[in-house]
Amino acid sequence: MKRIGWLCLLLLLSGCQHNLIRHDDSLTATLKMATITPGMTLEDLMAFSARFQAHSAREQATLCQDIRPVVSRDGNPWSGWYLATAISLNEACGEPAEAIGLINRLLGKRFVAEEVRQFAAYQLSLLQQRQQQAQQLHKLSLEQQKLQERLNREDQVRRLLEKQLRDLKRIETSINQRLDEKQ
């Protein structure tokens, strides 16, 4: 029983060593991962996602700019999916509609494994939900802007009415003083 315990511990530690090895988190390595040697498994996509998230927002935006021409030029659906993942992770990389199109292009290929299809379908539903939320936010922002403009107009009317009321009080006071002087 002790041998089995030590064997399990040894296997566990050797499996964890992979994560302890320092990965190259440079922009170049991340870009290479997405454009030159695109993977075809969920593990590769998850590795790209983790690597992408390790960069600052500015570096992420730069990566997106660097991946986009490769996707356009080569038409590689995997690079497209990496770009769609980047868009999902950083709004500065693009619009959800673009990511949805890239994933749909990938799903149109015959060689896509079922697990990848399922994950892509889930990612599509999340992107569509995000797109709907963005549309709702835009609609609510416009409504808020209209209400703010109305509030500003109402405030101007209120100030004008207050000024007119003060003027009327002054006139009333003046008339009352004149009447008092005549009596």
C-alpha atoms as a PDB file:
ATOM      1  CA  MET A   1       0.000   0.000   0.000  1.00  0.00           C
ATOM      2  CA  LYS A   2       2.909   2.350   0.793  1.00  0.00           C
ATOM      3  CA  ARG A   3       4.375   1.694  -2.625  1.00  0.00           C
ATOM      4  CA  ILE A   4       1.119   2.663  -4.308  1.00  0.00           C
ATOM      5  CA  GLY A   5       0.954   5.863  -2.240  1.00  0.00           C
ATOM      6  CA  TRP A   6       4.540   6.799  -3.145  1.00  0.00           C
ATOM      7  CA  LEU A   7       3.898   5.928  -6.775  1.00  0.00           C
ATOM      8  CA  CYS A   8       0.780   8.142  -6.844  1.00  0.00           C
ATOM      9  CA  LEU A   9       2.700  10.974  -5.190  1.00  0.00           C
ATOM     10  CA  LEU A  10       5.550  10.612  -7.674  1.00  0.00           C
ATOM     11  CA  LEU A  11       3.130  10.608 -10.640  1.00  0.00           C
ATOM     12  CA  LEU A  12       1.281  13.585  -9.235  1.00  0.00           C
ATOM     13  CA  LEU A  13       4.484  15.560  -8.761  1.00  0.00           C
ATOM     14  CA  SER A  14       5.801  14.678 -12.188  1.00  0.00           C
ATOM     15  CA  GLY A  15       2.510  15.788 -13.724  1.00  0.00           C
ATOM     16  CA  CYS A  16       2.677  19.095 -11.848  1.00  0.00           C
ATOM     17  CA  GLN A  17       6.218  19.770 -13.016  1.00  0.00           C
ATOM     18  CA  HIS A  18       4.846  20.796 -16.400  1.00  0.00           C
ATOM     19  CA  ASN A  19       3.068  23.733 -14.772  1.00  0.00           C
ATOM     20  CA  LEU A  20       6.132  24.681 -12.742  1.00  0.00           C
ATOM     21  CA  ILE A  21       8.302  25.106 -15.814  1.00  0.00           C
ATOM     22  CA  ARG A  22       8.422  28.768 -16.779  1.00  0.00           C
ATOM     23  CA  HIS A  23       6.610  29.413 -20.036  1.00  0.00           C
ATOM     24  CA  ASP A  24       7.654  32.127 -22.428  1.00  0.00           C
ATOM     25  CA  ASP A  25       4.881  34.709 -21.932  1.00  0.00           C
ATOM     26  CA  SER A  26       6.276  37.153 -24.467  1.00  0.00           C
ATOM     27  CA  LEU A  27       4.026  38.770 -27.020  1.00  0.00           C
ATOM     28  CA  THR A  28       5.960  37.084 -29.802  1.00  0.00           C
ATOM     29  CA  ALA A  29       5.392  33.625 -28.352  1.00  0.00           C
ATOM     30  CA  THR A  30       1.682  34.268 -27.895  1.00  0.00           C
ATOM     31  CA  LEU A  31       1.378  35.626 -31.431  1.00  0.00           C
ATOM     32  CA  LYS A  32       3.301  32.637 -32.783  1.00  0.00           C
ATOM     33  CA  MET A  33       0.967  30.320 -30.934  1.00  0.00           C
ATOM     34  CA  ALA A  34      -2.082  31.915 -32.543  1.00  0.00           C
ATOM     35  CA  THR A  35      -0.783  32.443 -36.068  1.00  0.00           C
ATOM     36  CA  ILE A  36       2.117  30.205 -36.977  1.00  0.00           C
ATOM     37  CA  THR A  37       1.365  27.008 -35.119  1.00  0.00           C
ATOM     38  CA  PRO A  38      -2.354  27.088 -34.436  1.00  0.00           C
ATOM     39  CA  GLY A  39      -3.584  24.098 -32.503  1.00  0.00           C
ATOM     40  CA  MET A  40      -6.581  21.974 -33.202  1.00  0.00           C
ATOM     41  CA  THR A  41      -7.564  21.006 -29.679  1.00  0.00           C
ATOM     42  CA  LEU A  42      -9.331  22.642 -26.797  1.00  0.00           C
ATOM     43  CA  GLU A  43      -6.136  22.351 -24.769  1.00  0.00           C
ATOM     44  CA  ASP A  44      -4.315  24.530 -27.295  1.00  0.00           C
ATOM     45  CA  LEU A  45      -7.126  27.082 -27.181  1.00  0.00           C
ATOM     46  CA  MET A  46      -7.080  27.084 -23.373  1.00  0.00           C
ATOM     47  CA  ALA A  47      -3.300  27.495 -23.394  1.00  0.00           C
ATOM     48  CA  PHE A  48      -3.642  30.449 -25.767  1.00  0.00           C
ATOM     49  CA  SER A  49      -6.376  31.940 -23.588  1.00  0.00           C
ATOM     50  CA  ALA A  50      -4.229  31.659 -20.455  1.00  0.00           C
ATOM     51  CA  ARG A  51      -1.211  33.108 -22.248  1.00  0.00           C
ATOM     52  CA  PHE A  52      -3.320  35.926 -23.712  1.00  0.00           C
ATOM     53  CA  GLN A  53      -4.763  36.830 -20.311  1.00  0.00           C
ATOM     54  CA  ALA A  54      -1.258  37.032 -18.830  1.00  0.00           C
ATOM     55  CA  HIS A  55      -0.602  40.136 -20.941  1.00  0.00           C
ATOM     56  CA  SER A  56      -1.700  43.673 -20.129  1.00  0.00           C
ATOM     57  CA  ALA A  57      -4.756  45.143 -21.857  1.00  0.00           C
ATOM     58  CA  ARG A  58      -2.509  47.204 -24.137  1.00  0.00           C
ATOM     59  CA  GLU A  59      -0.451  44.142 -25.108  1.00  0.00           C
ATOM     60  CA  GLN A  60      -3.674  42.199 -25.720  1.00  0.00           C
ATOM     61  CA  ALA A  61      -4.880  44.905 -28.103  1.00  0.00           C
ATOM     62  CA  THR A  62      -1.529  44.754 -29.911  1.00  0.00           C
ATOM     63  CA  LEU A  63      -1.806  40.976 -30.222  1.00  0.00           C
ATOM     64  CA  CYS A  64      -5.276  41.309 -31.715  1.00  0.00           C
ATOM     65  CA  GLN A  65      -3.976  43.786 -34.282  1.00  0.00           C
ATOM     66  CA  ASP A  66      -1.193  41.349 -35.149  1.00  0.00           C
ATOM     67  CA  ILE A  67      -3.478  38.294 -35.412  1.00  0.00           C
ATOM     68  CA  ARG A  68      -6.180  39.986 -37.517  1.00  0.00           C
ATOM     69  CA  PRO A  69      -4.100  40.353 -40.753  1.00  0.00           C
ATOM     70  CA  VAL A  70      -2.971  36.725 -40.523  1.00  0.00           C
ATOM     71  CA  VAL A  71      -6.583  35.596 -40.261  1.00  0.00           C
ATOM     72  CA  SER A  72      -7.528  37.775 -43.245  1.00  0.00           C
ATOM     73  CA  ARG A  73      -4.533  36.716 -45.323  1.00  0.00           C
ATOM     74  CA  ASP A  74      -4.407  32.982 -44.578  1.00  0.00           C
ATOM     75  CA  GLY A  75      -8.032  32.326 -43.748  1.00  0.00           C
ATOM     76  CA  ASN A  76      -6.882  29.879 -41.084  1.00  0.00           C
ATOM     77  CA  PRO A  77     -10.008  29.037 -39.056  1.00  0.00           C
ATOM     78  CA  TRP A  78      -7.947  28.182 -35.976  1.00  0.00           C
ATOM     79  CA  SER A  79      -6.238  31.559 -35.958  1.00  0.00           C
ATOM     80  CA  GLY A  80      -9.713  32.979 -36.424  1.00  0.00           C
ATOM     81  CA  TRP A  81     -10.911  31.114 -33.365  1.00  0.00           C
ATOM     82  CA  TYR A  82      -7.928  32.413 -31.403  1.00  0.00           C
ATOM     83  CA  LEU A  83      -8.879  35.928 -32.493  1.00  0.00           C
ATOM     84  CA  ALA A  84     -12.504  35.256 -31.501  1.00  0.00           C
ATOM     85  CA  THR A  85     -11.284  34.112 -28.091  1.00  0.00           C
ATOM     86  CA  ALA A  86      -9.190  37.264 -27.781  1.00  0.00           C
ATOM     87  CA  ILE A  87     -12.252  39.355 -28.648  1.00  0.00           C
ATOM     88  CA  SER A  88     -14.200  37.485 -25.987  1.00  0.00           C
ATOM     89  CA  LEU A  89     -11.540  38.301 -23.414  1.00  0.00           C
ATOM     90  CA  ASN A  90     -10.865  41.932 -24.336  1.00  0.00           C
ATOM     91  CA  GLU A  91     -13.540  44.235 -25.735  1.00  0.00           C
ATOM     92  CA  ALA A  92     -10.866  46.457 -27.294  1.00  0.00           C
ATOM     93  CA  CYS A  93      -9.997  43.625 -29.694  1.00  0.00           C
ATOM     94  CA  GLY A  94     -13.223  43.784 -31.645  1.00  0.00           C
ATOM     95  CA  GLU A  95     -16.956  43.366 -31.733  1.00  0.00           C
ATOM     96  CA  PRO A  96     -18.813  40.199 -30.729  1.00  0.00           C
ATOM     97  CA  ALA A  97     -20.304  40.036 -34.244  1.00  0.00           C
ATOM     98  CA  GLU A  98     -16.802  39.596 -35.686  1.00  0.00           C
ATOM     99  CA  ALA A  99     -16.013  36.816 -33.212  1.00  0.00           C
ATOM    100  CA  ILE A 100     -19.318  35.098 -34.005  1.00  0.00           C
ATOM    101  CA  GLY A 101     -18.447  35.161 -37.712  1.00  0.00           C
ATOM    102  CA  LEU A 102     -14.981  33.716 -37.071  1.00  0.00           C
ATOM    103  CA  ILE A 103     -16.357  30.862 -34.979  1.00  0.00           C
ATOM    104  CA  ASN A 104     -19.084  30.110 -37.514  1.00  0.00           C
ATOM    105  CA  ARG A 105     -16.397  29.891 -40.198  1.00  0.00           C
ATOM    106  CA  LEU A 106     -14.560  27.340 -38.055  1.00  0.00           C
ATOM    107  CA  LEU A 107     -17.740  25.337 -37.510  1.00  0.00           C
ATOM    108  CA  GLY A 108     -18.225  25.200 -41.269  1.00  0.00           C
ATOM    109  CA  LYS A 109     -15.126  23.008 -41.598  1.00  0.00           C
ATOM    110  CA  ARG A 110     -15.496  19.233 -41.681  1.00  0.00           C
ATOM    111  CA  PHE A 111     -12.460  18.349 -39.615  1.00  0.00           C
ATOM    112  CA  VAL A 112     -13.713  19.953 -36.388  1.00  0.00           C
ATOM    113  CA  ALA A 113     -14.008  17.479 -33.517  1.00  0.00           C
ATOM    114  CA  GLU A 114     -17.286  17.155 -31.605  1.00  0.00           C
ATOM    115  CA  GLU A 115     -15.819  18.511 -28.369  1.00  0.00           C
ATOM    116  CA  VAL A 116     -14.573  21.557 -30.242  1.00  0.00           C
ATOM    117  CA  ARG A 117     -18.012  22.018 -31.821  1.00  0.00           C
ATOM    118  CA  GLN A 118     -19.674  21.887 -28.409  1.00  0.00           C
ATOM    119  CA  PHE A 119     -17.245  24.383 -26.936  1.00  0.00           C
ATOM    120  CA  ALA A 120     -17.616  26.649 -29.972  1.00  0.00           C
ATOM    121  CA  ALA A 121     -21.407  26.496 -29.641  1.00  0.00           C
ATOM    122  CA  TYR A 122     -21.105  27.488 -25.982  1.00  0.00           C
ATOM    123  CA  GLN A 123     -18.738  30.325 -26.863  1.00  0.00           C
ATOM    124  CA  LEU A 124     -21.168  31.449 -29.576  1.00  0.00           C
ATOM    125  CA  SER A 125     -24.033  31.578 -27.106  1.00  0.00           C
ATOM    126  CA  LEU A 126     -21.914  33.669 -24.729  1.00  0.00           C
ATOM    127  CA  LEU A 127     -20.904  36.037 -27.518  1.00  0.00           C
ATOM    128  CA  GLN A 128     -24.491  36.395 -28.692  1.00  0.00           C
ATOM    129  CA  GLN A 129     -25.556  37.113 -25.130  1.00  0.00           C
ATOM    130  CA  ARG A 130     -22.797  39.719 -24.845  1.00  0.00           C
ATOM    131  CA  GLN A 131     -23.887  41.219 -28.148  1.00  0.00           C
ATOM    132  CA  GLN A 132     -27.488  41.480 -26.902  1.00  0.00           C
ATOM    133  CA  GLN A 133     -26.279  43.060 -23.664  1.00  0.00           C
ATOM    134  CA  ALA A 134     -24.231  45.576 -25.627  1.00  0.00           C
ATOM    135  CA  GLN A 135     -27.276  46.441 -27.721  1.00  0.00           C
ATOM    136  CA  GLN A 136     -29.378  46.832 -24.576  1.00  0.00           C
ATOM    137  CA  LEU A 137     -26.695  48.983 -23.005  1.00  0.00           C
ATOM    138  CA  HIS A 138     -26.585  51.182 -26.105  1.00  0.00           C
ATOM    139  CA  LYS A 139     -30.372  51.492 -26.111  1.00  0.00           C
ATOM    140  CA  LEU A 140     -30.409  52.354 -22.405  1.00  0.00           C
ATOM    141  CA  SER A 141     -27.589  54.858 -22.878  1.00  0.00           C
ATOM    142  CA  LEU A 142     -29.577  56.619 -25.586  1.00  0.00           C
ATOM    143  CA  GLU A 143     -32.638  56.634 -23.359  1.00  0.00           C
ATOM    144  CA  GLN A 144     -30.581  57.994 -20.468  1.00  0.00           C
ATOM    145  CA  GLN A 145     -29.170  60.702 -22.735  1.00  0.00           C
ATOM    146  CA  LYS A 146     -32.686  61.709 -23.801  1.00  0.00           C
ATOM    147  CA  LEU A 147     -33.847  61.789 -20.188  1.00  0.00           C
ATOM    148  CA  GLN A 148     -30.807  63.866 -19.216  1.00  0.00           C
ATOM    149  CA  GLU A 149     -31.569  66.347 -21.994  1.00  0.00           C
ATOM    150  CA  ARG A 150     -35.182  66.523 -20.813  1.00  0.00           C
ATOM    151  CA  LEU A 151     -34.003  67.035 -17.238  1.00  0.00           C
ATOM    152  CA  ASN A 152     -31.713  69.855 -18.386  1.00  0.00           C
ATOM    153  CA  ARG A 153     -34.580  71.516 -20.260  1.00  0.00           C
ATOM    154  CA  GLU A 154     -36.847  71.155 -17.228  1.00  0.00           C
ATOM    155  CA  ASP A 155     -34.123  72.653 -15.041  1.00  0.00           C
ATOM    156  CA  GLN A 156     -33.821  75.633 -17.399  1.00  0.00           C
ATOM    157  CA  VAL A 157     -37.587  76.114 -17.311  1.00  0.00           C
ATOM    158  CA  ARG A 158     -37.530  75.925 -13.500  1.00  0.00           C
ATOM    159  CA  ARG A 159     -34.776  78.552 -13.284  1.00  0.00           C
ATOM    160  CA  LEU A 160     -36.660  80.787 -15.713  1.00  0.00           C
ATOM    161  CA  LEU A 161     -39.864  80.430 -13.682  1.00  0.00           C
ATOM    162  CA  GLU A 162     -37.984  81.184 -10.457  1.00  0.00           C
ATOM    163  CA  LYS A 163     -36.506  84.301 -12.047  1.00  0.00           C
ATOM    164  CA  GLN A 164     -39.932  85.394 -13.293  1.00  0.00           C
ATOM    165  CA  LEU A 165     -41.404  84.772  -9.850  1.00  0.00           C
ATOM    166  CA  ARG A 166     -38.698  86.913  -8.234  1.00  0.00           C
ATOM    167  CA  ASP A 167     -39.363  89.628 -10.813  1.00  0.00           C
ATOM    168  CA  LEU A 168     -43.087  89.454 -10.119  1.00  0.00           C
ATOM    169  CA  LYS A 169     -42.452  89.722  -6.375  1.00  0.00           C
ATOM    170  CA  ARG A 170     -40.275  92.763  -6.968  1.00  0.00           C
ATOM    171  CA  ILE A 171     -42.980  94.333  -9.112  1.00  0.00           C
ATOM    172  CA  GLU A 172     -45.594  93.532  -6.473  1.00  0.00           C
ATOM    173  CA  THR A 173     -43.424  95.030  -3.771  1.00  0.00           C
ATOM    174  CA  SER A 174     -42.863  98.124  -5.890  1.00  0.00           C
ATOM    175  CA  ILE A 175     -46.601  98.512  -6.579  1.00  0.00           C
ATOM    176  CA  ASN A 176     -47.417  98.065  -2.905  1.00  0.00           C
ATOM    177  CA  GLN A 177     -44.854 100.727  -1.937  1.00  0.00           C
ATOM    178  CA  ARG A 178     -46.362 103.180  -4.449  1.00  0.00           C
ATOM    179  CA  LEU A 179     -49.847 102.489  -3.179  1.00  0.00           C
ATOM    180  CA  ASP A 180     -48.693 103.040   0.391  1.00  0.00           C
ATOM    181  CA  GLU A 181     -47.037 106.326  -0.585  1.00  0.00           C
ATOM    182  CA  LYS A 182     -50.270 107.611  -2.252  1.00  0.00           C
ATOM    183  CA  GLN A 183     -52.324 106.915   0.839  1.00  0.00           C
END
